[in-house]
Amino acid sequence: MGILIVIRDTVIYYNYYFVIYYLFCLIISVIVYSSNLVENSSETKINENDVKDRLLFRSVIETLKCYQEGVLRSVADANIGSILGIGAPAWTGGYIQFVNSYGLEKFIIRCNELSEKYGERFNAPSIVIEKLSKNELFK
């Protein structure tokens, strides 16, 4: 699978898997480089679980915002699209299903922890708080 691009008599073939692999390596190298900067400074080290959760939770939060604003029409669309479309880890069952299995209350608590450390971009969307107050899951 790939795409051919022709620019001024030059043919360039982009393999999608190679591009995804390249972007993944680039993201990991930025994380490792930034954690090395923190290690070498007098600041505290970045926790390994924080790195994992920061990568996963940002995508989950943006998916929830899209669902909240009506960009995504159903939970099934969000879950299938996140796995097949943007490469969410299959073990999550999709980004919104991840919230259901992680637990809404636990998800909100973890979002609050991450937002205290790394900024407001990790605040839990209001739709999660609404679902928790109604004692519902995303269906």
N, C-alpha and C. Protein backbone atom coordinates (compact mmCIF):
# COMPACT_ATOMS: atom_id res chain seq x y z
N MET A 1 0.83 -1.17 0.00
CA MET A 1 0.00 0.00 0.00
C MET A 1 0.88 1.24 0.00
N GLY A 2 0.53 2.17 -0.81
CA GLY A 2 1.31 3.39 -0.84
C GLY A 2 0.71 4.39 -1.79
N ILE A 3 1.46 5.41 -2.04
CA ILE A 3 1.01 6.47 -2.91
C ILE A 3 2.17 6.91 -3.79
N LEU A 4 1.87 7.18 -5.04
CA LEU A 4 2.88 7.69 -5.96
C LEU A 4 2.70 9.19 -6.11
N ILE A 5 3.78 9.91 -6.02
CA ILE A 5 3.76 11.35 -6.21
C ILE A 5 4.76 11.68 -7.31
N VAL A 6 4.31 12.45 -8.30
CA VAL A 6 5.18 12.84 -9.40
C VAL A 6 5.40 14.35 -9.33
N ILE A 7 6.66 14.73 -9.19
CA ILE A 7 7.03 16.14 -9.14
C ILE A 7 8.17 16.36 -10.12
N ARG A 8 7.90 17.12 -11.18
CA ARG A 8 8.91 17.47 -12.18
C ARG A 8 9.71 16.25 -12.65
N ASP A 9 9.06 15.31 -13.22
CA ASP A 9 9.67 14.10 -13.78
C ASP A 9 10.31 13.20 -12.72
N THR A 10 10.03 13.42 -11.47
CA THR A 10 10.55 12.57 -10.40
C THR A 10 9.38 11.84 -9.75
N VAL A 11 9.49 10.54 -9.67
CA VAL A 11 8.44 9.73 -9.07
C VAL A 11 8.88 9.35 -7.66
N ILE A 12 8.02 9.64 -6.70
CA ILE A 12 8.31 9.29 -5.31
C ILE A 12 7.22 8.34 -4.84
N TYR A 13 7.62 7.22 -4.30
CA TYR A 13 6.67 6.24 -3.77
C TYR A 13 6.72 6.29 -2.25
N TYR A 14 5.56 6.57 -1.62
CA TYR A 14 5.47 6.57 -0.17
C TYR A 14 4.71 5.33 0.28
N ASN A 15 5.35 4.52 1.04
CA ASN A 15 4.72 3.36 1.64
C ASN A 15 4.09 3.82 2.95
N TYR A 16 2.78 3.64 3.10
CA TYR A 16 2.08 4.11 4.29
C TYR A 16 2.68 3.54 5.57
N TYR A 17 3.00 2.25 5.55
CA TYR A 17 3.54 1.62 6.75
C TYR A 17 4.89 2.23 7.13
N PHE A 18 5.70 2.54 6.12
CA PHE A 18 6.98 3.16 6.40
C PHE A 18 6.79 4.54 7.00
N VAL A 19 5.84 5.30 6.46
CA VAL A 19 5.58 6.64 6.99
C VAL A 19 5.10 6.57 8.42
N ILE A 20 4.18 5.65 8.72
CA ILE A 20 3.69 5.50 10.09
C ILE A 20 4.84 5.09 11.01
N TYR A 21 5.67 4.14 10.57
CA TYR A 21 6.81 3.71 11.36
C TYR A 21 7.77 4.88 11.59
N TYR A 22 8.03 5.67 10.57
CA TYR A 22 8.91 6.82 10.69
C TYR A 22 8.36 7.83 11.68
N LEU A 23 7.07 8.13 11.61
CA LEU A 23 6.46 9.07 12.54
C LEU A 23 6.51 8.54 13.97
N PHE A 24 6.26 7.24 14.13
CA PHE A 24 6.32 6.63 15.46
C PHE A 24 7.73 6.77 16.04
N CYS A 25 8.75 6.48 15.25
CA CYS A 25 10.13 6.60 15.71
C CYS A 25 10.47 8.05 16.05
N LEU A 26 9.96 8.97 15.25
CA LEU A 26 10.19 10.38 15.50
C LEU A 26 9.58 10.81 16.83
N ILE A 27 8.35 10.38 17.09
CA ILE A 27 7.69 10.72 18.36
C ILE A 27 8.45 10.14 19.53
N ILE A 28 8.86 8.88 19.43
CA ILE A 28 9.59 8.24 20.53
C ILE A 28 10.93 8.94 20.76
N SER A 29 11.62 9.32 19.68
CA SER A 29 12.91 10.00 19.86
C SER A 29 12.73 11.36 20.52
N VAL A 30 11.66 12.06 20.20
CA VAL A 30 11.40 13.35 20.86
C VAL A 30 11.13 13.14 22.33
N ILE A 31 10.36 12.11 22.66
CA ILE A 31 10.07 11.83 24.07
C ILE A 31 11.34 11.45 24.82
N VAL A 32 12.14 10.59 24.22
CA VAL A 32 13.40 10.17 24.87
C VAL A 32 14.33 11.37 25.02
N TYR A 33 14.44 12.19 23.98
CA TYR A 33 15.30 13.36 24.05
C TYR A 33 14.82 14.33 25.13
N SER A 34 13.52 14.56 25.20
CA SER A 34 13.02 15.50 26.21
C SER A 34 13.18 14.92 27.61
N SER A 35 13.03 13.60 27.76
CA SER A 35 13.23 13.02 29.09
C SER A 35 14.70 13.06 29.48
N ASN A 36 15.63 12.96 28.50
CA ASN A 36 17.05 13.09 28.80
C ASN A 36 17.37 14.51 29.24
N LEU A 37 16.72 15.49 28.63
CA LEU A 37 16.94 16.87 29.06
C LEU A 37 16.50 17.07 30.50
N VAL A 38 15.38 16.44 30.85
CA VAL A 38 14.90 16.56 32.22
C VAL A 38 15.82 15.82 33.17
N GLU A 39 16.31 14.65 32.76
CA GLU A 39 17.23 13.89 33.62
C GLU A 39 18.51 14.69 33.88
N ASN A 40 19.00 15.36 32.86
CA ASN A 40 20.25 16.08 33.00
C ASN A 40 20.09 17.40 33.74
N SER A 41 18.87 17.85 33.92
CA SER A 41 18.65 19.08 34.66
C SER A 41 18.36 18.74 36.11
N SER A 42 18.12 19.76 36.89
CA SER A 42 17.85 19.53 38.31
C SER A 42 16.38 19.19 38.54
N GLU A 43 15.56 19.17 37.47
CA GLU A 43 14.15 18.84 37.61
C GLU A 43 13.97 17.34 37.81
N THR A 44 12.74 16.94 38.14
CA THR A 44 12.46 15.53 38.36
C THR A 44 12.35 14.79 37.03
N LYS A 45 12.53 13.49 37.09
CA LYS A 45 12.42 12.65 35.90
C LYS A 45 10.95 12.47 35.53
N ILE A 46 10.70 12.23 34.24
CA ILE A 46 9.35 11.94 33.79
C ILE A 46 9.09 10.45 34.02
N ASN A 47 8.02 10.17 34.70
CA ASN A 47 7.63 8.81 35.02
C ASN A 47 7.27 8.06 33.74
N GLU A 48 7.66 6.80 33.65
CA GLU A 48 7.38 5.99 32.45
C GLU A 48 5.88 5.87 32.20
N ASN A 49 5.10 5.69 33.27
CA ASN A 49 3.64 5.60 33.11
C ASN A 49 3.05 6.91 32.62
N ASP A 50 3.65 8.03 33.03
CA ASP A 50 3.19 9.33 32.53
C ASP A 50 3.41 9.45 31.03
N VAL A 51 4.54 8.95 30.56
CA VAL A 51 4.82 9.02 29.12
C VAL A 51 3.78 8.19 28.36
N LYS A 52 3.52 6.98 28.84
CA LYS A 52 2.53 6.12 28.18
C LYS A 52 1.15 6.77 28.19
N ASP A 53 0.75 7.25 29.36
CA ASP A 53 -0.57 7.85 29.49
C ASP A 53 -0.71 9.14 28.70
N ARG A 54 0.36 9.92 28.64
CA ARG A 54 0.30 11.16 27.86
C ARG A 54 0.07 10.86 26.39
N LEU A 55 0.71 9.83 25.86
CA LEU A 55 0.52 9.47 24.46
C LEU A 55 -0.90 8.96 24.21
N LEU A 56 -1.41 8.13 25.10
CA LEU A 56 -2.73 7.55 24.91
C LEU A 56 -3.84 8.54 25.24
N PHE A 57 -3.73 9.22 26.36
CA PHE A 57 -4.82 10.06 26.83
C PHE A 57 -5.08 11.26 25.93
N ARG A 58 -4.06 11.81 25.29
CA ARG A 58 -4.30 12.94 24.38
C ARG A 58 -5.21 12.52 23.24
N SER A 59 -4.96 11.37 22.66
CA SER A 59 -5.80 10.89 21.57
C SER A 59 -7.20 10.57 22.06
N VAL A 60 -7.30 9.97 23.23
CA VAL A 60 -8.60 9.64 23.80
C VAL A 60 -9.40 10.92 24.07
N ILE A 61 -8.75 11.92 24.64
CA ILE A 61 -9.42 13.18 24.96
C ILE A 61 -9.92 13.87 23.69
N GLU A 62 -9.10 13.89 22.66
CA GLU A 62 -9.53 14.52 21.41
C GLU A 62 -10.68 13.75 20.77
N THR A 63 -10.66 12.43 20.86
CA THR A 63 -11.77 11.63 20.34
C THR A 63 -13.05 11.94 21.10
N LEU A 64 -12.95 12.05 22.42
CA LEU A 64 -14.12 12.39 23.23
C LEU A 64 -14.66 13.78 22.89
N LYS A 65 -13.77 14.72 22.63
CA LYS A 65 -14.21 16.06 22.24
C LYS A 65 -14.93 16.03 20.90
N CYS A 66 -14.42 15.23 19.96
CA CYS A 66 -15.09 15.09 18.66
C CYS A 66 -16.47 14.48 18.83
N TYR A 67 -16.60 13.50 19.70
CA TYR A 67 -17.90 12.88 19.96
C TYR A 67 -18.84 13.87 20.64
N GLN A 68 -18.32 14.62 21.57
CA GLN A 68 -19.10 15.62 22.30
C GLN A 68 -19.64 16.71 21.37
N GLU A 69 -18.83 17.12 20.41
CA GLU A 69 -19.21 18.20 19.50
C GLU A 69 -19.99 17.72 18.28
N GLY A 70 -20.21 16.42 18.16
CA GLY A 70 -21.01 15.89 17.07
C GLY A 70 -20.23 15.58 15.80
N VAL A 71 -18.92 15.70 15.85
CA VAL A 71 -18.10 15.33 14.69
C VAL A 71 -18.20 13.83 14.46
N LEU A 72 -18.20 13.08 15.53
CA LEU A 72 -18.43 11.63 15.48
C LEU A 72 -19.87 11.38 15.86
N ARG A 73 -20.57 10.55 15.09
CA ARG A 73 -22.00 10.36 15.31
C ARG A 73 -22.32 9.26 16.30
N SER A 74 -21.42 8.31 16.46
CA SER A 74 -21.70 7.21 17.38
C SER A 74 -20.40 6.73 18.03
N VAL A 75 -20.58 6.02 19.13
CA VAL A 75 -19.43 5.44 19.83
C VAL A 75 -18.77 4.38 18.95
N ALA A 76 -19.58 3.63 18.23
CA ALA A 76 -19.02 2.60 17.34
C ALA A 76 -18.15 3.22 16.26
N ASP A 77 -18.62 4.33 15.68
CA ASP A 77 -17.81 5.03 14.67
C ASP A 77 -16.48 5.46 15.26
N ALA A 78 -16.52 5.98 16.47
CA ALA A 78 -15.30 6.45 17.12
C ALA A 78 -14.33 5.30 17.38
N ASN A 79 -14.86 4.20 17.87
CA ASN A 79 -14.00 3.06 18.20
C ASN A 79 -13.40 2.41 16.95
N ILE A 80 -14.24 2.17 15.96
CA ILE A 80 -13.74 1.55 14.73
C ILE A 80 -12.79 2.49 14.00
N GLY A 81 -13.15 3.76 13.93
CA GLY A 81 -12.29 4.73 13.26
C GLY A 81 -10.96 4.92 13.95
N SER A 82 -10.97 4.86 15.27
CA SER A 82 -9.71 5.05 15.98
C SER A 82 -8.76 3.87 15.78
N ILE A 83 -9.30 2.68 15.68
CA ILE A 83 -8.43 1.51 15.47
C ILE A 83 -8.01 1.40 14.01
N LEU A 84 -8.97 1.40 13.11
CA LEU A 84 -8.66 1.18 11.70
C LEU A 84 -8.18 2.44 10.98
N GLY A 85 -8.62 3.60 11.46
CA GLY A 85 -8.29 4.84 10.77
C GLY A 85 -7.00 5.49 11.23
N ILE A 86 -6.85 5.64 12.54
CA ILE A 86 -5.69 6.39 13.03
C ILE A 86 -4.73 5.53 13.84
N GLY A 87 -4.99 4.25 13.93
CA GLY A 87 -4.01 3.34 14.51
C GLY A 87 -4.00 3.25 16.03
N ALA A 88 -5.16 3.36 16.63
CA ALA A 88 -5.23 3.17 18.09
C ALA A 88 -4.82 1.73 18.41
N PRO A 89 -4.21 1.52 19.57
CA PRO A 89 -3.85 0.14 19.94
C PRO A 89 -5.09 -0.74 19.98
N ALA A 90 -5.01 -1.90 19.38
CA ALA A 90 -6.18 -2.79 19.30
C ALA A 90 -6.66 -3.24 20.67
N TRP A 91 -5.74 -3.35 21.64
CA TRP A 91 -6.14 -3.80 22.96
C TRP A 91 -7.09 -2.83 23.66
N THR A 92 -7.16 -1.58 23.19
CA THR A 92 -8.05 -0.61 23.81
C THR A 92 -9.50 -0.84 23.42
N GLY A 93 -9.73 -1.49 22.27
CA GLY A 93 -11.09 -1.65 21.77
C GLY A 93 -11.60 -0.38 21.10
N GLY A 94 -10.73 0.58 20.93
CA GLY A 94 -11.10 1.90 20.43
C GLY A 94 -10.96 2.90 21.56
N TYR A 95 -10.80 4.16 21.20
CA TYR A 95 -10.50 5.16 22.22
C TYR A 95 -11.65 5.37 23.21
N ILE A 96 -12.90 5.33 22.75
CA ILE A 96 -14.00 5.53 23.70
C ILE A 96 -14.24 4.27 24.52
N GLN A 97 -14.05 3.11 23.91
CA GLN A 97 -14.16 1.87 24.68
C GLN A 97 -13.08 1.80 25.75
N PHE A 98 -11.93 2.38 25.47
CA PHE A 98 -10.87 2.44 26.47
C PHE A 98 -11.36 3.14 27.74
N VAL A 99 -12.10 4.24 27.56
CA VAL A 99 -12.63 4.97 28.72
C VAL A 99 -13.61 4.09 29.49
N ASN A 100 -14.47 3.37 28.78
CA ASN A 100 -15.41 2.46 29.46
C ASN A 100 -14.68 1.41 30.27
N SER A 101 -13.67 0.78 29.68
CA SER A 101 -12.96 -0.30 30.38
C SER A 101 -12.02 0.24 31.46
N TYR A 102 -11.47 1.42 31.26
CA TYR A 102 -10.59 2.04 32.26
C TYR A 102 -11.38 2.48 33.48
N GLY A 103 -12.62 2.87 33.23
CA GLY A 103 -13.49 3.38 34.29
C GLY A 103 -13.56 4.89 34.21
N LEU A 104 -14.79 5.43 34.16
CA LEU A 104 -14.96 6.86 33.98
C LEU A 104 -14.36 7.67 35.12
N GLU A 105 -14.62 7.22 36.34
CA GLU A 105 -14.10 7.95 37.50
C GLU A 105 -12.57 7.90 37.54
N LYS A 106 -12.02 6.73 37.29
CA LYS A 106 -10.56 6.57 37.26
C LYS A 106 -9.94 7.39 36.13
N PHE A 107 -10.64 7.45 34.98
CA PHE A 107 -10.17 8.24 33.85
C PHE A 107 -10.12 9.73 34.22
N ILE A 108 -11.16 10.22 34.87
CA ILE A 108 -11.20 11.63 35.27
C ILE A 108 -10.10 11.94 36.27
N ILE A 109 -9.88 11.05 37.21
CA ILE A 109 -8.83 11.24 38.21
C ILE A 109 -7.46 11.30 37.53
N ARG A 110 -7.22 10.36 36.60
CA ARG A 110 -5.92 10.35 35.90
C ARG A 110 -5.76 11.59 35.03
N CYS A 111 -6.83 12.03 34.39
CA CYS A 111 -6.76 13.26 33.59
C CYS A 111 -6.40 14.45 34.47
N ASN A 112 -6.99 14.50 35.66
CA ASN A 112 -6.67 15.60 36.58
C ASN A 112 -5.21 15.56 37.02
N GLU A 113 -4.69 14.36 37.27
CA GLU A 113 -3.28 14.23 37.63
C GLU A 113 -2.38 14.72 36.50
N LEU A 114 -2.69 14.29 35.28
CA LEU A 114 -1.89 14.70 34.13
C LEU A 114 -2.01 16.19 33.87
N SER A 115 -3.20 16.75 34.05
CA SER A 115 -3.37 18.19 33.79
C SER A 115 -2.63 19.03 34.84
N GLU A 116 -2.53 18.55 36.06
CA GLU A 116 -1.75 19.27 37.07
C GLU A 116 -0.27 19.29 36.72
N LYS A 117 0.23 18.18 36.18
CA LYS A 117 1.65 18.09 35.85
C LYS A 117 2.00 18.71 34.51
N TYR A 118 1.12 18.50 33.49
CA TYR A 118 1.52 18.80 32.11
C TYR A 118 0.62 19.80 31.39
N GLY A 119 -0.36 20.36 32.07
CA GLY A 119 -1.15 21.41 31.45
C GLY A 119 -2.60 21.02 31.21
N GLU A 120 -3.36 22.04 30.88
CA GLU A 120 -4.81 21.88 30.76
C GLU A 120 -5.25 21.05 29.56
N ARG A 121 -4.36 20.75 28.65
CA ARG A 121 -4.75 19.92 27.50
C ARG A 121 -5.15 18.51 27.93
N PHE A 122 -4.86 18.15 29.18
CA PHE A 122 -5.23 16.83 29.69
C PHE A 122 -6.50 16.87 30.54
N ASN A 123 -7.20 18.00 30.58
CA ASN A 123 -8.47 18.06 31.30
C ASN A 123 -9.48 17.12 30.66
N ALA A 124 -10.23 16.41 31.50
CA ALA A 124 -11.25 15.50 30.98
C ALA A 124 -12.38 16.30 30.34
N PRO A 125 -12.85 15.88 29.17
CA PRO A 125 -13.97 16.57 28.54
C PRO A 125 -15.24 16.46 29.39
N SER A 126 -16.10 17.44 29.26
CA SER A 126 -17.31 17.49 30.09
C SER A 126 -18.25 16.32 29.84
N ILE A 127 -18.19 15.71 28.66
CA ILE A 127 -19.07 14.59 28.38
C ILE A 127 -18.77 13.39 29.30
N VAL A 128 -17.53 13.24 29.69
CA VAL A 128 -17.17 12.14 30.60
C VAL A 128 -17.75 12.41 31.98
N ILE A 129 -17.68 13.65 32.42
CA ILE A 129 -18.21 14.02 33.73
C ILE A 129 -19.74 13.86 33.74
N GLU A 130 -20.39 14.22 32.63
CA GLU A 130 -21.84 14.05 32.52
C GLU A 130 -22.23 12.59 32.59
N LYS A 131 -21.50 11.75 31.85
CA LYS A 131 -21.79 10.30 31.86
C LYS A 131 -21.59 9.72 33.25
N LEU A 132 -20.56 10.17 33.95
CA LEU A 132 -20.29 9.68 35.30
C LEU A 132 -21.41 10.09 36.25
N SER A 133 -21.87 11.34 36.14
CA SER A 133 -22.94 11.81 37.03
C SER A 133 -24.25 11.05 36.79
N LYS A 134 -24.48 10.59 35.54
CA LYS A 134 -25.67 9.81 35.22
C LYS A 134 -25.44 8.32 35.45
N ASN A 135 -24.23 7.95 35.85
CA ASN A 135 -23.83 6.56 36.07
C ASN A 135 -24.04 5.72 34.81
N GLU A 136 -23.60 6.27 33.67
CA GLU A 136 -23.73 5.60 32.38
C GLU A 136 -22.35 5.33 31.79
N LEU A 137 -22.33 4.42 30.84
CA LEU A 137 -21.14 4.19 30.02
C LEU A 137 -21.42 4.72 28.62
N PHE A 138 -20.38 4.87 27.83
CA PHE A 138 -20.56 5.27 26.43
C PHE A 138 -21.07 4.06 25.66
N LYS A 139 -22.21 4.23 24.98
CA LYS A 139 -22.80 3.13 24.20
C LYS A 139 -23.10 3.60 22.81
